[in-house]
């Protein structure tokens, strides 16, 4: 993400860009302020006319004052860039102090010093807020790491932690489901292995077929 210094126009064009932007901001803000002020101080039936007259008289003056401040600030900023050969917040802070002091030079040394200090502090606050916002916007999003299963559960049910690439929890669940299904079928068909199975595989098949031949549901007819 670009810093506030690098996202601005290069230095020769920066002066004209700041002059135009400052004039537009001052004209719009001054128009809104003086329209409300002129409307409030005008007679009851002439509030709209009074507000429009106040805008025409004062909005260009406020826009011009902003343009002068923006032009001087950009000029001092470009001067500091040329002297220091780098772009950093100190250029804007020094330019703000120099602009404030230069605009109050006619009022004396004390007024110029106070205005310079105020301009430097104001630009320092603006630059600090911009740097903090830049850091917040460019900070990476830290997602919480996935928690691993405890080591005691890795060998659950006597199954190793990985069988054929299957995790321990899945292998344990498969073994428990297979044991429960076998016990359910065993209880349904007589429980345990019949003796015929030991002699040959046909006994188990015959018993299963006989169990399916039984009437379901049972009949209770009297004979």
C-alpha atoms as a PDB file:
ATOM      1  CA  UNK A   1       0.000   0.000   0.000  1.00  0.00           C
ATOM      2  CA  UNK A   2       1.314   3.406  -0.919  1.00  0.00           C
ATOM      3  CA  UNK A   3       2.194   5.870   1.804  1.00  0.00           C
ATOM      4  CA  UNK A   4       0.589   9.354   1.816  1.00  0.00           C
ATOM      5  CA  UNK A   5       3.852  10.859   0.500  1.00  0.00           C
ATOM      6  CA  UNK A   6       4.296   8.449  -2.406  1.00  0.00           C
ATOM      7  CA  UNK A   7       0.614   8.527  -3.429  1.00  0.00           C
ATOM      8  CA  UNK A   8       0.744  12.293  -4.155  1.00  0.00           C
ATOM      9  CA  UNK A   9       1.655  13.940  -7.421  1.00  0.00           C
ATOM     10  CA  UNK A  10       5.352  14.518  -8.233  1.00  0.00           C
ATOM     11  CA  UNK A  11       6.761  17.762  -6.987  1.00  0.00           C
ATOM     12  CA  UNK A  12       6.337  20.250  -9.842  1.00  0.00           C
ATOM     13  CA  UNK A  13       2.742  19.171 -10.445  1.00  0.00           C
ATOM     14  CA  UNK A  14       1.984  18.878  -6.748  1.00  0.00           C
ATOM     15  CA  UNK A  15       1.803  22.653  -6.287  1.00  0.00           C
ATOM     16  CA  UNK A  16      -0.917  23.166  -8.895  1.00  0.00           C
ATOM     17  CA  UNK A  17      -2.799  20.083  -7.691  1.00  0.00           C
ATOM     18  CA  UNK A  18      -2.834  21.307  -4.089  1.00  0.00           C
ATOM     19  CA  UNK A  19      -3.830  24.840  -5.103  1.00  0.00           C
ATOM     20  CA  UNK A  20      -6.844  23.554  -7.041  1.00  0.00           C
ATOM     21  CA  UNK A  21      -7.879  21.093  -4.364  1.00  0.00           C
ATOM     22  CA  UNK A  22      -7.555  23.664  -1.580  1.00  0.00           C
ATOM     23  CA  UNK A  23      -9.551  26.238  -3.536  1.00  0.00           C
ATOM     24  CA  UNK A  24     -12.366  23.770  -4.215  1.00  0.00           C
ATOM     25  CA  UNK A  25     -12.501  22.638  -0.597  1.00  0.00           C
ATOM     26  CA  UNK A  26     -12.513  26.223   0.688  1.00  0.00           C
ATOM     27  CA  UNK A  27     -15.133  27.355  -1.812  1.00  0.00           C
ATOM     28  CA  UNK A  28     -17.522  24.490  -1.039  1.00  0.00           C
ATOM     29  CA  UNK A  29     -17.070  24.715   2.708  1.00  0.00           C
ATOM     30  CA  UNK A  30     -17.245  28.516   2.706  1.00  0.00           C
ATOM     31  CA  UNK A  31     -20.376  28.459   0.544  1.00  0.00           C
ATOM     32  CA  UNK A  32     -22.175  26.125   2.933  1.00  0.00           C
ATOM     33  CA  UNK A  33     -21.098  28.094   6.017  1.00  0.00           C
ATOM     34  CA  UNK A  34     -21.926  31.548   4.675  1.00  0.00           C
ATOM     35  CA  UNK A  35     -25.219  30.419   3.160  1.00  0.00           C
ATOM     36  CA  UNK A  36     -26.411  29.236   6.553  1.00  0.00           C
ATOM     37  CA  UNK A  37     -25.057  32.381   8.188  1.00  0.00           C
ATOM     38  CA  UNK A  38     -26.656  34.695   5.606  1.00  0.00           C
ATOM     39  CA  UNK A  39     -29.973  32.862   5.857  1.00  0.00           C
ATOM     40  CA  UNK A  40     -29.963  33.183   9.647  1.00  0.00           C
ATOM     41  CA  UNK A  41     -29.203  36.926   9.646  1.00  0.00           C
ATOM     42  CA  UNK A  42     -31.578  37.870   6.807  1.00  0.00           C
ATOM     43  CA  UNK A  43     -35.176  39.026   7.251  1.00  0.00           C
ATOM     44  CA  UNK A  44     -37.905  36.424   7.324  1.00  0.00           C
ATOM     45  CA  UNK A  45     -39.120  36.825   3.753  1.00  0.00           C
ATOM     46  CA  UNK A  46     -35.654  37.306   2.233  1.00  0.00           C
ATOM     47  CA  UNK A  47     -33.656  34.447   3.752  1.00  0.00           C
ATOM     48  CA  UNK A  48     -32.911  32.703   0.451  1.00  0.00           C
ATOM     49  CA  UNK A  49     -31.771  35.940  -1.203  1.00  0.00           C
ATOM     50  CA  UNK A  50     -29.633  36.863   1.798  1.00  0.00           C
ATOM     51  CA  UNK A  51     -28.006  33.418   1.859  1.00  0.00           C
ATOM     52  CA  UNK A  52     -27.163  33.528  -1.852  1.00  0.00           C
ATOM     53  CA  UNK A  53     -25.692  37.017  -1.514  1.00  0.00           C
ATOM     54  CA  UNK A  54     -23.520  35.899   1.386  1.00  0.00           C
ATOM     55  CA  UNK A  55     -22.266  32.977  -0.704  1.00  0.00           C
ATOM     56  CA  UNK A  56     -21.369  35.202  -3.660  1.00  0.00           C
ATOM     57  CA  UNK A  57     -19.525  37.648  -1.439  1.00  0.00           C
ATOM     58  CA  UNK A  58     -17.603  35.282   0.825  1.00  0.00           C
ATOM     59  CA  UNK A  59     -17.181  31.873  -0.841  1.00  0.00           C
ATOM     60  CA  UNK A  60     -14.527  33.058  -3.380  1.00  0.00           C
ATOM     61  CA  UNK A  61     -12.619  34.803  -0.617  1.00  0.00           C
ATOM     62  CA  UNK A  62     -12.525  31.671   1.552  1.00  0.00           C
ATOM     63  CA  UNK A  63     -11.544  29.555  -1.449  1.00  0.00           C
ATOM     64  CA  UNK A  64      -8.728  31.992  -2.287  1.00  0.00           C
ATOM     65  CA  UNK A  65      -7.410  31.875   1.286  1.00  0.00           C
ATOM     66  CA  UNK A  66      -7.354  28.080   1.177  1.00  0.00           C
ATOM     67  CA  UNK A  67      -5.634  28.179  -2.214  1.00  0.00           C
ATOM     68  CA  UNK A  68      -2.919  30.491  -0.875  1.00  0.00           C
ATOM     69  CA  UNK A  69      -2.316  28.206   2.096  1.00  0.00           C
ATOM     70  CA  UNK A  70      -2.239  25.100  -0.119  1.00  0.00           C
ATOM     71  CA  UNK A  71       0.132  26.713  -2.620  1.00  0.00           C
ATOM     72  CA  UNK A  72       2.560  27.841   0.067  1.00  0.00           C
ATOM     73  CA  UNK A  73       2.436  24.474   1.791  1.00  0.00           C
ATOM     74  CA  UNK A  74       3.190  22.601  -1.451  1.00  0.00           C
ATOM     75  CA  UNK A  75       5.985  25.019  -2.309  1.00  0.00           C
ATOM     76  CA  UNK A  76       7.687  24.514   1.053  1.00  0.00           C
ATOM     77  CA  UNK A  77       7.088  20.781   0.822  1.00  0.00           C
ATOM     78  CA  UNK A  78       8.736  20.564  -2.586  1.00  0.00           C
ATOM     79  CA  UNK A  79      11.610  22.682  -1.282  1.00  0.00           C
ATOM     80  CA  UNK A  80      12.180  20.248   1.588  1.00  0.00           C
ATOM     81  CA  UNK A  81      12.022  17.307  -0.801  1.00  0.00           C
ATOM     82  CA  UNK A  82      14.690  18.946  -2.966  1.00  0.00           C
ATOM     83  CA  UNK A  83      16.916  19.771   0.013  1.00  0.00           C
ATOM     84  CA  UNK A  84      16.579  16.476   1.875  1.00  0.00           C
ATOM     85  CA  UNK A  85      16.320  14.263  -1.240  1.00  0.00           C
ATOM     86  CA  UNK A  86      13.675  12.006   0.283  1.00  0.00           C
ATOM     87  CA  UNK A  87       9.959  11.808   0.956  1.00  0.00           C
ATOM     88  CA  UNK A  88       8.893  11.396   4.569  1.00  0.00           C
ATOM     89  CA  UNK A  89       6.436  12.969   7.049  1.00  0.00           C
ATOM     90  CA  UNK A  90       9.066  15.444   8.255  1.00  0.00           C
ATOM     91  CA  UNK A  91       8.755  17.338   4.985  1.00  0.00           C
ATOM     92  CA  UNK A  92       5.046  17.956   5.566  1.00  0.00           C
ATOM     93  CA  UNK A  93       5.574  18.908   9.232  1.00  0.00           C
ATOM     94  CA  UNK A  94       8.294  21.445   8.397  1.00  0.00           C
ATOM     95  CA  UNK A  95       6.249  22.775   5.469  1.00  0.00           C
ATOM     96  CA  UNK A  96       3.200  23.260   7.717  1.00  0.00           C
ATOM     97  CA  UNK A  97       5.251  25.179  10.284  1.00  0.00           C
ATOM     98  CA  UNK A  98       6.875  27.315   7.585  1.00  0.00           C
ATOM     99  CA  UNK A  99       3.502  28.083   5.988  1.00  0.00           C
ATOM    100  CA  UNK A 100       1.939  29.138   9.273  1.00  0.00           C
ATOM    101  CA  UNK A 101       4.865  31.371  10.146  1.00  0.00           C
ATOM    102  CA  UNK A 102       5.057  32.912   6.681  1.00  0.00           C
ATOM    103  CA  UNK A 103       1.371  33.873   6.641  1.00  0.00           C
ATOM    104  CA  UNK A 104       1.700  35.691   9.991  1.00  0.00           C
ATOM    105  CA  UNK A 105       4.945  37.529   9.313  1.00  0.00           C
ATOM    106  CA  UNK A 106       3.151  40.891   9.046  1.00  0.00           C
ATOM    107  CA  UNK A 107       1.802  40.501  12.588  1.00  0.00           C
ATOM    108  CA  UNK A 108       5.228  40.331  14.200  1.00  0.00           C
ATOM    109  CA  UNK A 109       7.701  37.718  15.344  1.00  0.00           C
ATOM    110  CA  UNK A 110       5.589  36.482  18.244  1.00  0.00           C
ATOM    111  CA  UNK A 111       2.477  35.889  16.135  1.00  0.00           C
ATOM    112  CA  UNK A 112       4.576  34.234  13.420  1.00  0.00           C
ATOM    113  CA  UNK A 113       6.197  31.902  15.968  1.00  0.00           C
ATOM    114  CA  UNK A 114       2.856  30.882  17.455  1.00  0.00           C
ATOM    115  CA  UNK A 115       1.383  30.299  14.021  1.00  0.00           C
ATOM    116  CA  UNK A 116       4.406  28.237  12.984  1.00  0.00           C
ATOM    117  CA  UNK A 117       4.145  26.074  16.094  1.00  0.00           C
ATOM    118  CA  UNK A 118       0.425  25.570  15.516  1.00  0.00           C
ATOM    119  CA  UNK A 119       0.998  24.628  11.862  1.00  0.00           C
ATOM    120  CA  UNK A 120       3.735  22.144  12.748  1.00  0.00           C
ATOM    121  CA  UNK A 121       1.653  20.478  15.463  1.00  0.00           C
ATOM    122  CA  UNK A 122      -1.394  20.286  13.195  1.00  0.00           C
ATOM    123  CA  UNK A 123       0.565  18.667  10.362  1.00  0.00           C
ATOM    124  CA  UNK A 124       2.247  16.287  12.810  1.00  0.00           C
ATOM    125  CA  UNK A 125      -1.171  15.114  14.023  1.00  0.00           C
ATOM    126  CA  UNK A 126      -2.421  14.689  10.455  1.00  0.00           C
ATOM    127  CA  UNK A 127       0.678  12.751   9.386  1.00  0.00           C
ATOM    128  CA  UNK A 128       0.548  10.578  12.515  1.00  0.00           C
ATOM    129  CA  UNK A 129      -3.098   9.712  11.883  1.00  0.00           C
ATOM    130  CA  UNK A 130      -2.259   8.860   8.268  1.00  0.00           C
ATOM    131  CA  UNK A 131       0.607   6.563   9.306  1.00  0.00           C
ATOM    132  CA  UNK A 132      -1.545   4.763  11.880  1.00  0.00           C
ATOM    133  CA  UNK A 133      -4.336   4.260   9.352  1.00  0.00           C
ATOM    134  CA  UNK A 134      -1.800   2.960   6.830  1.00  0.00           C
ATOM    135  CA  UNK A 135      -0.468   0.410   9.300  1.00  0.00           C
ATOM    136  CA  UNK A 136      -3.943  -0.756  10.252  1.00  0.00           C
ATOM    137  CA  UNK A 137      -4.969  -1.191   6.621  1.00  0.00           C
ATOM    138  CA  UNK A 138      -1.778  -3.024   5.619  1.00  0.00           C
ATOM    139  CA  UNK A 139      -1.564  -5.324   8.681  1.00  0.00           C
ATOM    140  CA  UNK A 140      -1.989  -9.057   7.774  1.00  0.00           C
ATOM    141  CA  UNK A 141      -5.004 -10.883   9.124  1.00  0.00           C
ATOM    142  CA  UNK A 142      -3.819 -13.533  11.643  1.00  0.00           C
ATOM    143  CA  UNK A 143      -6.118 -16.539  11.666  1.00  0.00           C
ATOM    144  CA  UNK A 144      -6.018 -18.979  14.631  1.00  0.00           C
ATOM    145  CA  UNK A 145      -4.133 -22.212  13.993  1.00  0.00           C
ATOM    146  CA  UNK A 146      -6.032 -25.495  13.812  1.00  0.00           C
ATOM    147  CA  UNK A 147      -5.821 -27.510  17.012  1.00  0.00           C
ATOM    148  CA  UNK A 148      -4.395 -31.000  16.679  1.00  0.00           C
ATOM    149  CA  UNK A 149      -5.927 -34.039  18.317  1.00  0.00           C
ATOM    150  CA  UNK A 150      -4.313 -35.091  21.649  1.00  0.00           C
ATOM    151  CA  UNK A 151      -1.731 -37.827  21.543  1.00  0.00           C
ATOM    152  CA  UNK A 152      -3.864 -40.008  23.864  1.00  0.00           C
ATOM    153  CA  UNK A 153      -6.593 -40.205  21.235  1.00  0.00           C
ATOM    154  CA  UNK A 154      -4.199 -41.164  18.430  1.00  0.00           C
ATOM    155  CA  UNK A 155      -4.283 -44.838  19.403  1.00  0.00           C
ATOM    156  CA  UNK A 156      -7.946 -45.061  20.390  1.00  0.00           C
ATOM    157  CA  UNK A 157      -9.353 -48.597  20.240  1.00  0.00           C
ATOM    158  CA  UNK A 158      -5.939 -50.129  19.604  1.00  0.00           C
ATOM    159  CA  UNK A 159      -5.737 -48.610  16.104  1.00  0.00           C
ATOM    160  CA  UNK A 160      -2.522 -46.822  15.127  1.00  0.00           C
ATOM    161  CA  UNK A 161      -2.544 -43.098  14.319  1.00  0.00           C
ATOM    162  CA  UNK A 162      -2.577 -43.597  10.547  1.00  0.00           C
ATOM    163  CA  UNK A 163      -3.757 -46.721   8.729  1.00  0.00           C
ATOM    164  CA  UNK A 164      -3.577 -46.313   4.971  1.00  0.00           C
ATOM    165  CA  UNK A 165      -3.648 -42.536   5.296  1.00  0.00           C
ATOM    166  CA  UNK A 166      -6.824 -42.526   7.521  1.00  0.00           C
ATOM    167  CA  UNK A 167      -6.567 -40.381  10.671  1.00  0.00           C
ATOM    168  CA  UNK A 168      -6.858 -41.972  14.091  1.00  0.00           C
ATOM    169  CA  UNK A 169     -10.319 -40.596  14.849  1.00  0.00           C
ATOM    170  CA  UNK A 170     -11.799 -41.900  11.586  1.00  0.00           C
ATOM    171  CA  UNK A 171     -10.241 -45.340  12.087  1.00  0.00           C
ATOM    172  CA  UNK A 172     -11.598 -45.497  15.652  1.00  0.00           C
ATOM    173  CA  UNK A 173     -15.100 -44.499  14.528  1.00  0.00           C
ATOM    174  CA  UNK A 174     -15.026 -47.126  11.750  1.00  0.00           C
ATOM    175  CA  UNK A 175     -13.974 -49.846  14.185  1.00  0.00           C
ATOM    176  CA  UNK A 176     -16.673 -48.916  16.712  1.00  0.00           C
ATOM    177  CA  UNK A 177     -19.384 -48.815  14.024  1.00  0.00           C
ATOM    178  CA  UNK A 178     -18.299 -52.200  12.616  1.00  0.00           C
ATOM    179  CA  UNK A 179     -18.293 -53.802  16.089  1.00  0.00           C
ATOM    180  CA  UNK A 180     -21.731 -52.387  16.907  1.00  0.00           C
ATOM    181  CA  UNK A 181     -23.170 -53.575  13.576  1.00  0.00           C
ATOM    182  CA  UNK A 182     -21.727 -57.064  14.041  1.00  0.00           C
ATOM    183  CA  UNK A 183     -23.151 -57.324  17.556  1.00  0.00           C
ATOM    184  CA  UNK A 184     -26.570 -56.158  16.298  1.00  0.00           C
ATOM    185  CA  UNK A 185     -26.628 -58.761  13.525  1.00  0.00           C
ATOM    186  CA  UNK A 186     -25.326 -61.376  15.926  1.00  0.00           C
ATOM    187  CA  UNK A 187     -28.117 -60.672  18.396  1.00  0.00           C
ATOM    188  CA  UNK A 188     -30.683 -60.710  15.628  1.00  0.00           C
ATOM    189  CA  UNK A 189     -29.629 -64.068  14.208  1.00  0.00           C
ATOM    190  CA  UNK A 190     -29.014 -65.999  17.373  1.00  0.00           C
ATOM    191  CA  UNK A 191     -25.860 -64.408  18.802  1.00  0.00           C
ATOM    192  CA  UNK A 192     -22.448 -65.935  18.345  1.00  0.00           C
ATOM    193  CA  UNK A 193     -21.113 -68.281  15.639  1.00  0.00           C
ATOM    194  CA  UNK A 194     -23.109 -71.476  15.204  1.00  0.00           C
ATOM    195  CA  UNK A 195     -21.312 -74.787  15.464  1.00  0.00           C
ATOM    196  CA  UNK A 196     -22.061 -75.614  11.823  1.00  0.00           C
ATOM    197  CA  UNK A 197     -19.808 -72.749  10.719  1.00  0.00           C
ATOM    198  CA  UNK A 198     -16.766 -74.436  12.182  1.00  0.00           C
ATOM    199  CA  UNK A 199     -17.390 -77.547  10.121  1.00  0.00           C
ATOM    200  CA  UNK A 200     -18.173 -75.757   6.873  1.00  0.00           C
ATOM    201  CA  UNK A 201     -19.511 -72.543   5.377  1.00  0.00           C
ATOM    202  CA  UNK A 202     -22.840 -74.116   4.395  1.00  0.00           C
ATOM    203  CA  UNK A 203     -24.224 -74.271   7.921  1.00  0.00           C
ATOM    204  CA  UNK A 204     -24.275 -70.545   8.416  1.00  0.00           C
ATOM    205  CA  UNK A 205     -25.974 -70.017   5.071  1.00  0.00           C
ATOM    206  CA  UNK A 206     -28.627 -72.655   5.867  1.00  0.00           C
ATOM    207  CA  UNK A 207     -29.373 -71.082   9.239  1.00  0.00           C
ATOM    208  CA  UNK A 208     -29.797 -67.644   7.705  1.00  0.00           C
ATOM    209  CA  UNK A 209     -32.160 -68.981   5.085  1.00  0.00           C
ATOM    210  CA  UNK A 210     -34.185 -70.812   7.704  1.00  0.00           C
ATOM    211  CA  UNK A 211     -34.497 -67.697   9.787  1.00  0.00           C
ATOM    212  CA  UNK A 212     -35.953 -65.835   6.822  1.00  0.00           C
ATOM    213  CA  UNK A 213     -38.457 -68.682   6.268  1.00  0.00           C
ATOM    214  CA  UNK A 214     -40.000 -68.083   9.683  1.00  0.00           C
ATOM    215  CA  UNK A 215     -43.394 -66.287   9.577  1.00  0.00           C
ATOM    216  CA  UNK A 216     -43.175 -62.602  10.260  1.00  0.00           C
ATOM    217  CA  UNK A 217     -45.112 -61.468  12.169  1.00  0.00           C
ATOM    218  CA  UNK A 218     -45.930 -64.739  14.003  1.00  0.00           C
ATOM    219  CA  UNK A 219     -49.468 -66.087  13.742  1.00  0.00           C
ATOM    220  CA  UNK A 220     -51.513 -66.979  16.776  1.00  0.00           C
ATOM    221  CA  UNK A 221     -54.146 -69.242  15.179  1.00  0.00           C
ATOM    222  CA  UNK A 222     -55.595 -72.094  17.247  1.00  0.00           C
ATOM    223  CA  UNK A 223     -55.295 -75.520  15.691  1.00  0.00           C
END
